[in-house]
Structure formats: C-alpha cells, structure tokens
Amino acid sequence: MNAMWRYFQKADEFRKALTVASAFAIATSVTGCTTTGEHVRFYDGAPLKTNEIVLLKIERGISNCRAFVWNVDGKPLGNPHGFNRNNTIEIEMLPGTNTLQFSYQDDSLSHSITNMTLTFYGQAGQIYELHVAPINDGFGKHLERDFFGGRFFWTAWIIDTQNGEVVAGRKREEFFHWYE
C-alpha cells in the first residue's frame, strides 16, 4: 500500500513538472516568434501625412521573386531576438537617406545565403519600389558558386515610381528565359 502511494505521488509530481515545462515552452515560443505587418510605419511618433513621408513598396511578382526587408537604417523590422515571418509589402519612412538590408527568395525556394544592402535618398511624398530578380550569368558561374560559394546570384534595385528612374542598385536588363 505504501509503495502504491509513493507511485501516485511521483506520478503527480511528474504531471506538475510536465505542465510547468509545457507552459514555459509555449510562452517562449509565443514571445520569440512574430509576424511583421503588411504595412509598417518605421518612424516614431504620430502618423504623418503622405506628403511628409517616403513610401517604399516591396515588389513581389517579377518571375515570382520576393524581397524580404529585415532592417532599415540598422534597426530590425521585426523581433530581433526571435523568428520573424516577414509579410511586409509597404514601409513608411522619413525622408532622407535610408539603408535597407534584405534577402531574396523565389517560388522554386531558391534564396539568398547573405543579405544585400541598398542605400537610397527618399524624397518626401514620393513612392519607391524595391525589386529583386535572379541573374543568369551562365553555367560556369553557377558551378563556381556551387563549389566555392558565392555572394549573389540575384540583383536588386529601387525605382522612383513617378519617373521610373533607378535610384539604387542595378536593374536586371536581360529578358527572363523560359526556364526561370
């Protein structure tokens, strides 16, 4: 009888410990993961009028390529201490020089292994677009990257939507091939 009583006591202690551990795991996973909003206001204070801000649209759709902005002017866009699911497609910023750090991914799940950085001067009231696209630089360069690593197999550029002028980066000039 005494042995049975000790067995139930230990089982009850185990259940309590398991409950505490489960609660801790849920709490850390919930606080460690975040999702960035589709529209991010990246400045402090009250919302400003559209003619007082720079609006950056993150283009998603050129050959099914997507850019994911991770930080603006050295400040993280989402939670710097945990996993972020990046949904951002528009960022409101203050006018002036802005530096973006971002990555690339396409529908075939090709993605960048390092982030790219672009700096541009944004004028108040203007709308800009960030574009990304793969670079088709030939079979030899592809093999070289596979064996020795490589920094970029993609390019990025920012355009002023009012006049179509590239304000940062290098636009992909060649047409997309049927296999891209």
Protein backbone atom coordinates (compact mmCIF):
# COMPACT_ATOMS: atom_id res chain seq x y z
CA MET A 1 0.00 0.00 0.00
CA ASN A 2 2.81 2.35 0.91
CA ALA A 3 4.58 1.65 -2.40
CA MET A 4 1.41 2.42 -4.32
CA TRP A 5 1.04 5.73 -2.50
CA ARG A 6 4.64 6.73 -3.40
CA TYR A 7 3.99 5.76 -7.04
CA PHE A 8 0.97 8.10 -7.26
CA GLN A 9 2.90 10.90 -5.54
CA LYS A 10 5.75 10.61 -8.06
CA ALA A 11 3.26 10.48 -10.97
CA ASP A 12 1.57 13.61 -9.64
CA GLU A 13 4.96 15.40 -9.34
CA PHE A 14 5.80 14.34 -12.89
CA ARG A 15 2.49 15.75 -14.22
CA LYS A 16 3.12 19.06 -12.43
CA ALA A 17 6.66 19.30 -13.83
CA LEU A 18 5.39 18.45 -17.32
CA THR A 19 2.70 21.15 -17.04
CA VAL A 20 5.26 23.77 -15.99
CA ALA A 21 7.65 22.75 -18.79
CA SER A 22 4.83 22.87 -21.37
CA ALA A 23 3.73 26.31 -20.19
CA PHE A 24 7.32 27.56 -20.38
CA ALA A 25 7.76 26.15 -23.91
CA ILE A 26 4.54 27.77 -25.12
CA ALA A 27 5.42 31.11 -23.52
CA THR A 28 8.88 31.22 -25.06
CA SER A 29 7.65 30.20 -28.49
CA VAL A 30 4.86 32.78 -28.49
CA THR A 31 7.13 35.61 -27.35
CA GLY A 32 10.01 34.51 -29.58
CA CYS A 33 8.07 34.47 -32.85
CA THR A 34 6.49 37.44 -34.53
CA THR A 35 4.96 38.41 -37.82
CA THR A 36 5.71 41.73 -39.44
CA GLY A 37 2.69 43.61 -40.68
CA GLU A 38 1.98 44.18 -44.37
CA HIS A 39 2.21 47.94 -43.81
CA VAL A 40 4.95 49.10 -41.43
CA ARG A 41 5.36 52.66 -40.15
CA PHE A 42 9.10 52.87 -39.49
CA TYR A 43 9.39 56.08 -37.52
CA ASP A 44 8.43 57.20 -34.04
CA GLY A 45 5.59 59.50 -33.16
CA ALA A 46 2.19 60.17 -34.63
CA PRO A 47 1.38 59.13 -38.21
CA LEU A 48 2.43 61.74 -40.77
CA LYS A 49 0.63 62.80 -43.94
CA THR A 50 1.56 61.05 -47.19
CA ASN A 51 3.34 64.17 -48.49
CA GLU A 52 5.62 64.09 -45.41
CA ILE A 53 6.87 60.51 -45.70
CA VAL A 54 8.67 58.19 -48.10
CA LEU A 55 6.69 55.09 -49.05
CA LEU A 56 8.66 52.02 -50.11
CA LYS A 57 6.71 49.23 -51.80
CA ILE A 58 8.32 45.81 -51.83
CA GLU A 59 7.60 44.27 -55.21
CA ARG A 60 6.65 40.63 -55.22
CA GLY A 61 5.98 39.10 -58.54
CA ILE A 62 8.77 39.60 -61.09
CA SER A 63 9.40 35.98 -62.07
CA ASN A 64 7.83 35.14 -58.70
CA CYS A 65 10.76 36.69 -56.83
CA ARG A 66 10.29 38.26 -53.44
CA ALA A 67 12.37 40.58 -51.31
CA PHE A 68 12.20 40.40 -47.54
CA VAL A 69 13.39 43.57 -45.79
CA TRP A 70 14.99 42.70 -42.46
CA ASN A 71 16.19 46.08 -41.25
CA VAL A 72 16.02 49.75 -42.12
CA ASP A 73 18.86 52.08 -41.16
CA GLY A 74 20.36 49.34 -38.97
CA LYS A 75 17.17 48.79 -36.95
CA PRO A 76 15.37 45.43 -37.24
CA LEU A 77 11.96 45.44 -38.89
CA GLY A 78 10.56 42.73 -36.60
CA ASN A 79 11.60 40.95 -33.44
CA PRO A 80 15.44 40.99 -33.31
CA HIS A 81 15.59 38.11 -30.82
CA GLY A 82 13.37 35.52 -32.47
CA PHE A 83 12.00 34.13 -35.70
CA ASN A 84 10.13 36.60 -37.91
CA ARG A 85 7.62 35.74 -40.57
CA ASN A 86 8.08 38.66 -42.92
CA ASN A 87 4.83 39.83 -44.53
CA THR A 88 5.86 43.43 -45.17
CA ILE A 89 4.94 44.89 -48.55
CA GLU A 90 4.99 48.63 -47.66
CA ILE A 91 7.24 50.62 -45.37
CA GLU A 92 6.67 54.26 -44.40
CA MET A 93 9.97 56.01 -43.68
CA LEU A 94 11.13 59.52 -43.00
CA PRO A 95 12.64 61.45 -45.93
CA GLY A 96 16.39 61.39 -46.39
CA THR A 97 18.99 58.69 -46.80
CA ASN A 98 17.68 55.24 -45.95
CA THR A 99 19.60 51.95 -45.94
CA LEU A 100 17.78 48.65 -46.38
CA GLN A 101 19.07 45.17 -45.66
CA PHE A 102 17.06 42.43 -47.34
CA SER A 103 17.07 38.90 -48.68
CA TYR A 104 15.69 37.15 -51.74
CA GLN A 105 13.51 34.11 -52.38
CA ASP A 106 11.61 32.76 -55.38
CA ASP A 107 8.90 30.15 -55.95
CA SER A 108 11.43 27.37 -56.55
CA LEU A 109 12.65 28.09 -52.99
CA SER A 110 15.96 29.43 -54.25
CA HIS A 111 17.06 32.04 -51.77
CA SER A 112 19.96 34.24 -50.84
CA ILE A 113 22.56 32.98 -48.41
CA THR A 114 23.59 36.50 -47.45
CA ASN A 115 21.58 39.69 -47.27
CA MET A 116 22.05 42.58 -49.68
CA THR A 117 22.19 46.23 -48.66
CA LEU A 118 21.00 49.20 -50.72
CA THR A 119 21.06 52.86 -49.77
CA PHE A 120 18.87 55.47 -51.43
CA TYR A 121 17.75 59.04 -50.88
CA GLY A 122 13.98 59.22 -50.46
CA GLN A 123 12.12 62.47 -51.04
CA ALA A 124 9.01 63.33 -49.05
CA GLY A 125 5.78 62.44 -50.82
CA GLN A 126 7.47 60.00 -53.22
CA ILE A 127 6.75 56.31 -53.69
CA TYR A 128 9.61 53.91 -54.36
CA GLU A 129 9.65 50.21 -55.25
CA LEU A 130 12.21 47.60 -54.27
CA HIS A 131 12.67 44.92 -56.97
CA VAL A 132 14.69 41.70 -56.96
CA ALA A 133 15.47 39.25 -59.76
CA PRO A 134 17.81 36.32 -60.39
CA ILE A 135 20.89 36.84 -62.52
CA ASN A 136 21.51 34.39 -65.32
CA ASP A 137 25.30 34.59 -65.54
CA GLY A 138 25.93 31.24 -67.20
CA PHE A 139 26.66 27.65 -66.32
CA GLY A 140 30.31 28.27 -65.37
CA LYS A 141 29.46 30.87 -62.72
CA HIS A 142 26.68 28.60 -61.44
CA LEU A 143 29.18 25.74 -60.94
CA GLU A 144 31.69 28.09 -59.34
CA ARG A 145 29.09 29.22 -56.77
CA ASP A 146 28.08 25.60 -56.08
CA PHE A 147 31.66 24.50 -55.38
CA PHE A 148 33.26 27.61 -53.89
CA GLY A 149 30.29 29.61 -52.63
CA GLY A 150 29.24 32.95 -53.87
CA ARG A 151 27.77 36.13 -52.67
CA PHE A 152 24.91 36.88 -55.06
CA PHE A 153 23.08 35.11 -57.84
CA TRP A 154 20.49 37.85 -57.84
CA THR A 155 20.27 41.58 -58.22
CA ALA A 156 18.14 44.28 -56.64
CA TRP A 157 17.19 47.83 -57.45
CA ILE A 158 14.95 50.61 -56.18
CA ILE A 159 12.97 52.78 -58.57
CA ASP A 160 11.16 56.06 -58.19
CA THR A 161 7.62 55.22 -59.34
CA GLN A 162 6.96 58.76 -60.55
CA ASN A 163 9.58 58.72 -63.29
CA GLY A 164 10.75 55.06 -63.37
CA GLU A 165 14.34 56.09 -62.62
CA VAL A 166 16.58 53.61 -60.78
CA VAL A 167 17.74 55.35 -57.59
CA ALA A 168 19.77 52.46 -56.11
CA GLY A 169 21.15 49.11 -57.20
CA ARG A 170 21.39 47.53 -60.63
CA LYS A 171 18.30 46.63 -62.65
CA ARG A 172 18.23 43.31 -64.46
CA GLU A 173 18.39 44.23 -68.13
CA GLU A 174 18.06 40.84 -69.83
CA PHE A 175 14.73 39.17 -70.50
CA PHE A 176 13.65 36.23 -68.40
CA HIS A 177 14.26 32.89 -70.05
CA TRP A 178 11.66 30.14 -70.28
CA TYR A 179 13.45 28.08 -67.60
CA GLU A 180 13.48 30.84 -64.97
